[in-house]
Each structure stands twice: as C-alpha cells, then as structure tokens.
C-alpha cells in the first residue's frame, strides 16, 4: 500500500542546552497552551485519539477480558501487541483495564520518547521514517510518510506538541503534513519561533504556494503533487 501523506519536522536550536531541555519536555503539557489559539481549538477536537490517548476498557478486570471486549467490536489485537496493562479508573470513575499498545506512547511521554519511537518505528505498516537526524544543536530533521489518514491522525498532534515544546526552548522551525489518501486531502502547516505560533490548513491546491520544496526535503514538487526522491533513505541519529 502506498504511503501518500508526507510529514517533516525541522527545528533549529542555538545551543546544546536548549536541545537537551527540549527532549525533556512532556508532550501533552503543550495542549493547554495550544488550546488558547483559535486556529488550534477550531481544528482539533479534545476527544480525537492519537498516540498519547489512554486506552481503558471499561467493566473488565483482566487482560484477557479487555482483549476479548476489543475483539467483540472488531478491534483486532493480540496479547503480544500489549507492552503494559493494569487495572485503572477512567475520567468518569468507571473501573476497567488500562492497555498500552506497543505502537503507542504513554500519556506523560517526553519529546525524547517520541524521537525514540520514530527511530525504532514499531508500526512500519503505518509509518515510514525516511530520515531522523539529531544533533546537539542546529538542524533537527525528521521526515517520512503515513500509510493513511488514520495513521496521520495518530501522529499529527504528538509531532505538533514536539514543535510547540521546541518553541518553549527558543527553537524555531515547522511541522508540516501534506498529501492525499483515498480522496482525503491533508494540508497542515505548524510554524513556530520565539515570537509565536502559526497553524494553517490551506486547500491542497493553494498549499502548492507554501514552499513545499523547502518543507519536505525528501520529495520534489511536480504538476501531480509531491513525489519522493529517495523513499528508502534513513539516517539515524
């Protein structure tokens, strides 16, 4: 299956101390500040699920019960897909079982956990990582592509939270997403520097004017859209 939705996160820091502080930022803590921006609150529902979403199966007390309940509603999952489980209570006080899937992150994950996740890539059927280049400071580049719109939804907010965390550490750069999958267009640009944040979701056709060749270094712009120039390249840290 084609991976048609491209992404790239690029950050510049002025010191190694800023880079280190960035990696220690808790991703989900950025949501409170971002929700103050109309461009964020209008486009991202607080109930949308992503890599950081807690999975609590109500009215169950064991791993087997929780998995059986998920399978009963068509969610195919096996015990080996779970790296951690425990009895828990959801936000409304209902008891159940909390599951952490191998392809997801803990709710309180730091930026470093997201970077490690992208490096290891536990879900290669959903995500391709073409480049992951980190240094003590300077250019930080992570790019790749998503198999489908659901995978894009899993990763977009954690990546945006990482960008917002970089701004808090005097970083500047962007997190960009672009592509069309099964007739569903994606065009989302998150730009940041020490002075502020801009979130834009232009029409896909209008997005052609948004310096796409600079936002996505592993692709080139053609009349048909974006074409990957080196889809198999991978540069670890």
Protein backbone atom coordinates (compact mmCIF):
# COMPACT_ATOMS: atom_id res chain seq x y z
CA UNK A 1 0.00 0.00 0.00
CA UNK A 2 1.27 3.48 -0.88
CA UNK A 3 2.34 5.91 1.83
CA UNK A 4 0.84 9.11 0.44
CA UNK A 5 0.82 11.60 3.34
CA UNK A 6 4.23 13.20 3.84
CA UNK A 7 5.47 14.81 7.05
CA UNK A 8 8.55 16.69 8.14
CA UNK A 9 9.58 18.25 11.44
CA UNK A 10 12.51 20.63 11.30
CA UNK A 11 13.84 22.55 14.28
CA UNK A 12 16.81 24.85 14.83
CA UNK A 13 18.30 25.49 18.26
CA UNK A 14 21.02 27.93 19.18
CA UNK A 15 22.63 25.85 21.92
CA UNK A 16 23.03 22.27 23.08
CA UNK A 17 21.35 23.25 26.36
CA UNK A 18 18.17 24.23 24.51
CA UNK A 19 18.26 20.94 22.61
CA UNK A 20 18.62 18.95 25.85
CA UNK A 21 15.80 20.88 27.54
CA UNK A 22 13.56 20.21 24.52
CA UNK A 23 13.99 16.45 24.76
CA UNK A 24 12.86 16.56 28.40
CA UNK A 25 9.60 18.41 27.70
CA UNK A 26 6.36 16.49 28.34
CA UNK A 27 4.40 16.43 25.08
CA UNK A 28 0.83 16.53 26.38
CA UNK A 29 1.54 19.59 28.53
CA UNK A 30 1.65 21.69 25.37
CA UNK A 31 -2.05 21.14 24.73
CA UNK A 32 -3.22 23.61 27.39
CA UNK A 33 -1.29 26.46 25.76
CA UNK A 34 -2.21 25.50 22.21
CA UNK A 35 -5.92 25.40 23.05
CA UNK A 36 -5.74 29.15 23.69
CA UNK A 37 -5.16 29.61 19.95
CA UNK A 38 -8.39 29.76 17.89
CA UNK A 39 -6.61 28.09 14.96
CA UNK A 40 -5.92 25.09 17.21
CA UNK A 41 -9.17 24.77 19.14
CA UNK A 42 -11.23 25.12 15.94
CA UNK A 43 -9.40 22.31 14.15
CA UNK A 44 -8.52 19.78 16.87
CA UNK A 45 -11.22 18.14 18.95
CA UNK A 46 -10.21 17.31 22.52
CA UNK A 47 -11.71 13.84 22.07
CA UNK A 48 -9.64 12.94 18.99
CA UNK A 49 -7.48 9.88 19.59
CA UNK A 50 -3.75 9.73 18.90
CA UNK A 51 -0.56 8.05 20.12
CA UNK A 52 -0.99 9.60 23.57
CA UNK A 53 -4.62 8.59 24.13
CA UNK A 54 -5.26 6.41 27.16
CA UNK A 55 -6.97 3.12 26.28
CA UNK A 56 -9.17 2.00 29.19
CA UNK A 57 -11.56 -0.89 28.59
CA UNK A 58 -14.49 -0.43 30.97
CA UNK A 59 -16.04 -3.18 33.08
CA UNK A 60 -13.08 -5.54 32.72
CA UNK A 61 -10.52 -6.67 35.28
CA UNK A 62 -8.03 -8.83 33.33
CA UNK A 63 -6.03 -8.54 30.14
CA UNK A 64 -7.96 -11.40 28.56
CA UNK A 65 -11.32 -9.76 29.28
CA UNK A 66 -10.12 -6.45 27.87
CA UNK A 67 -8.81 -8.04 24.66
CA UNK A 68 -11.99 -10.08 24.22
CA UNK A 69 -14.10 -6.93 24.53
CA UNK A 70 -11.98 -5.13 21.93
CA UNK A 71 -12.24 -8.06 19.53
CA UNK A 72 -16.02 -8.15 20.00
CA UNK A 73 -16.25 -4.68 18.44
CA UNK A 74 -13.89 -5.52 15.58
CA UNK A 75 -10.60 -4.25 17.03
CA UNK A 76 -8.11 -6.95 16.11
CA UNK A 77 -5.46 -7.10 18.82
CA UNK A 78 -3.36 -9.83 20.44
CA UNK A 79 -1.65 -10.10 23.83
CA UNK A 80 1.76 -9.63 22.19
CA UNK A 81 0.59 -6.20 20.95
CA UNK A 82 0.38 -5.03 24.59
CA UNK A 83 3.50 -3.92 26.46
CA UNK A 84 1.76 -2.94 29.69
CA UNK A 85 -1.62 -3.39 31.34
CA UNK A 86 -3.09 -2.55 34.75
CA UNK A 87 -6.42 -2.06 36.46
CA UNK A 88 -7.48 1.56 36.28
CA UNK A 89 -10.36 4.03 36.51
CA UNK A 90 -11.39 6.30 33.64
CA UNK A 91 -12.16 10.03 33.85
CA UNK A 92 -15.76 9.31 34.83
CA UNK A 93 -14.81 6.94 37.63
CA UNK A 94 -15.64 3.71 35.80
CA UNK A 95 -13.25 0.84 36.62
CA UNK A 96 -11.58 -1.13 33.85
CA UNK A 97 -8.24 -2.18 32.39
CA UNK A 98 -5.68 0.26 31.01
CA UNK A 99 -3.75 -1.03 27.99
CA UNK A 100 -0.57 0.33 26.45
CA UNK A 101 -0.08 -0.88 22.91
CA UNK A 102 3.44 -1.38 21.58
CA UNK A 103 2.73 1.13 18.81
CA UNK A 104 1.63 3.88 21.21
CA UNK A 105 3.20 6.18 23.80
CA UNK A 106 2.50 6.71 27.47
CA UNK A 107 0.30 9.69 28.23
CA UNK A 108 3.12 11.51 30.04
CA UNK A 109 5.80 10.86 27.40
CA UNK A 110 8.57 13.36 26.84
CA UNK A 111 9.83 14.55 23.45
CA UNK A 112 12.69 12.04 23.77
CA UNK A 113 10.17 9.17 23.87
CA UNK A 114 8.59 10.36 20.62
CA UNK A 115 12.02 10.59 18.97
CA UNK A 116 12.87 7.07 20.18
CA UNK A 117 9.52 5.83 18.89
CA UNK A 118 10.21 7.30 15.45
CA UNK A 119 13.72 5.82 15.44
CA UNK A 120 12.51 2.31 16.31
CA UNK A 121 9.22 2.66 14.39
CA UNK A 122 7.12 -0.10 16.00
CA UNK A 123 4.39 0.29 13.33
CA UNK A 124 6.14 0.08 9.92
CA UNK A 125 2.85 -0.88 8.29
CA UNK A 126 1.50 2.57 9.23
CA UNK A 127 4.58 4.79 9.15
CA UNK A 128 7.74 5.18 7.09
CA UNK A 129 10.60 7.20 8.59
CA UNK A 130 12.99 8.28 5.85
CA UNK A 131 15.25 10.49 7.90
CA UNK A 132 15.87 11.07 11.59
CA UNK A 133 18.83 13.39 12.08
CA UNK A 134 19.55 14.86 15.52
CA UNK A 135 22.50 16.85 16.79
CA UNK A 136 23.36 18.68 20.00
CA UNK A 137 22.03 21.80 18.33
CA UNK A 138 21.47 23.15 14.84
CA UNK A 139 19.18 21.45 12.36
CA UNK A 140 16.90 18.71 13.69
CA UNK A 141 15.15 16.91 10.84
CA UNK A 142 12.62 14.08 10.96
CA UNK A 143 10.66 13.16 7.87
CA UNK A 144 8.68 10.32 6.41
CA UNK A 145 5.15 9.39 5.40
CA UNK A 146 1.92 7.83 6.67
CA UNK A 147 0.03 4.96 5.08
CA UNK A 148 -3.40 6.52 5.51
CA UNK A 149 -5.42 9.27 7.14
CA UNK A 150 -5.89 7.34 10.39
CA UNK A 151 -2.12 6.99 10.81
CA UNK A 152 -1.73 10.72 10.14
CA UNK A 153 -4.26 11.42 12.91
CA UNK A 154 -2.28 9.21 15.31
CA UNK A 155 0.93 11.19 14.82
CA UNK A 156 -0.03 14.76 13.97
CA UNK A 157 -0.64 16.06 17.49
CA UNK A 158 2.39 14.42 19.15
CA UNK A 159 4.58 15.95 16.40
CA UNK A 160 2.88 19.34 16.82
CA UNK A 161 3.37 19.10 20.59
CA UNK A 162 7.07 18.46 19.94
CA UNK A 163 7.19 21.61 17.81
CA UNK A 164 5.43 23.66 20.48
CA UNK A 165 7.91 22.29 23.04
CA UNK A 166 10.79 23.44 20.82
CA UNK A 167 9.37 26.98 20.78
CA UNK A 168 9.46 27.00 24.59
CA UNK A 169 13.17 26.22 24.34
CA UNK A 170 13.84 29.09 21.89
CA UNK A 171 13.74 26.77 18.92
CA UNK A 172 12.32 27.74 15.53
CA UNK A 173 11.05 25.67 12.64
CA UNK A 174 7.99 23.84 11.39
CA UNK A 175 5.99 20.63 11.45
CA UNK A 176 4.36 20.06 8.06
CA UNK A 177 1.95 17.48 6.62
CA UNK A 178 0.81 17.20 3.02
CA UNK A 179 -0.78 14.60 0.76
CA UNK A 180 -3.96 12.95 -0.48
CA UNK A 181 -5.01 9.45 0.58
CA UNK A 182 -8.16 7.78 -0.73
CA UNK A 183 -9.52 11.17 -1.84
CA UNK A 184 -8.91 12.67 1.62
CA UNK A 185 -6.67 15.77 1.35
CA UNK A 186 -4.17 16.70 4.05
CA UNK A 187 -2.55 20.11 4.19
CA UNK A 188 -1.40 21.22 7.65
CA UNK A 189 1.48 23.57 8.45
CA UNK A 190 2.59 24.34 12.01
CA UNK A 191 5.25 27.08 12.08
CA UNK A 192 6.92 28.41 15.21
CA UNK A 193 9.67 30.65 16.53
CA UNK A 194 10.31 32.51 19.77
CA UNK A 195 7.77 35.18 18.76
CA UNK A 196 4.80 32.94 18.16
CA UNK A 197 2.99 30.05 16.51
CA UNK A 198 1.04 29.86 13.25
CA UNK A 199 -1.29 26.99 12.30
CA UNK A 200 -2.57 26.88 8.73
CA UNK A 201 -4.68 24.33 6.86
CA UNK A 202 -4.95 25.71 3.33
CA UNK A 203 -6.70 23.95 0.49
CA UNK A 204 -4.39 21.36 -1.05
CA UNK A 205 -4.23 23.30 -4.32
CA UNK A 206 -3.45 26.57 -2.52
CA UNK A 207 -0.79 24.77 -0.48
CA UNK A 208 1.31 24.44 -3.63
CA UNK A 209 2.33 28.06 -2.95
CA UNK A 210 3.63 27.29 0.56
CA UNK A 211 7.27 26.48 -0.32
CA UNK A 212 6.63 22.75 -0.25
CA UNK A 213 10.07 22.01 -1.69
CA UNK A 214 11.57 23.59 1.45
CA UNK A 215 9.17 21.91 3.87
CA UNK A 216 9.74 18.41 2.51
CA UNK A 217 13.37 17.83 1.62
CA UNK A 218 12.89 14.17 0.61
CA UNK A 219 10.30 14.99 -2.05
CA UNK A 220 10.03 17.20 -5.10
CA UNK A 221 7.08 19.20 -6.37
CA UNK A 222 5.54 18.13 -9.68
CA UNK A 223 2.34 19.02 -11.52
CA UNK A 224 0.72 15.99 -9.85
CA UNK A 225 1.84 16.97 -6.35
CA UNK A 226 4.71 15.67 -4.23
CA UNK A 227 6.97 12.86 -5.42
CA UNK A 228 9.53 11.22 -3.14
CA UNK A 229 13.08 11.48 -4.45
CA UNK A 230 14.59 8.86 -2.11
CA UNK A 231 11.85 6.84 -0.42
CA UNK A 232 14.21 4.35 1.22
CA UNK A 233 16.74 6.74 2.76
CA UNK A 234 17.13 6.53 6.53
CA UNK A 235 19.67 8.46 8.58
CA UNK A 236 19.66 7.56 12.28
CA UNK A 237 20.94 9.85 14.98
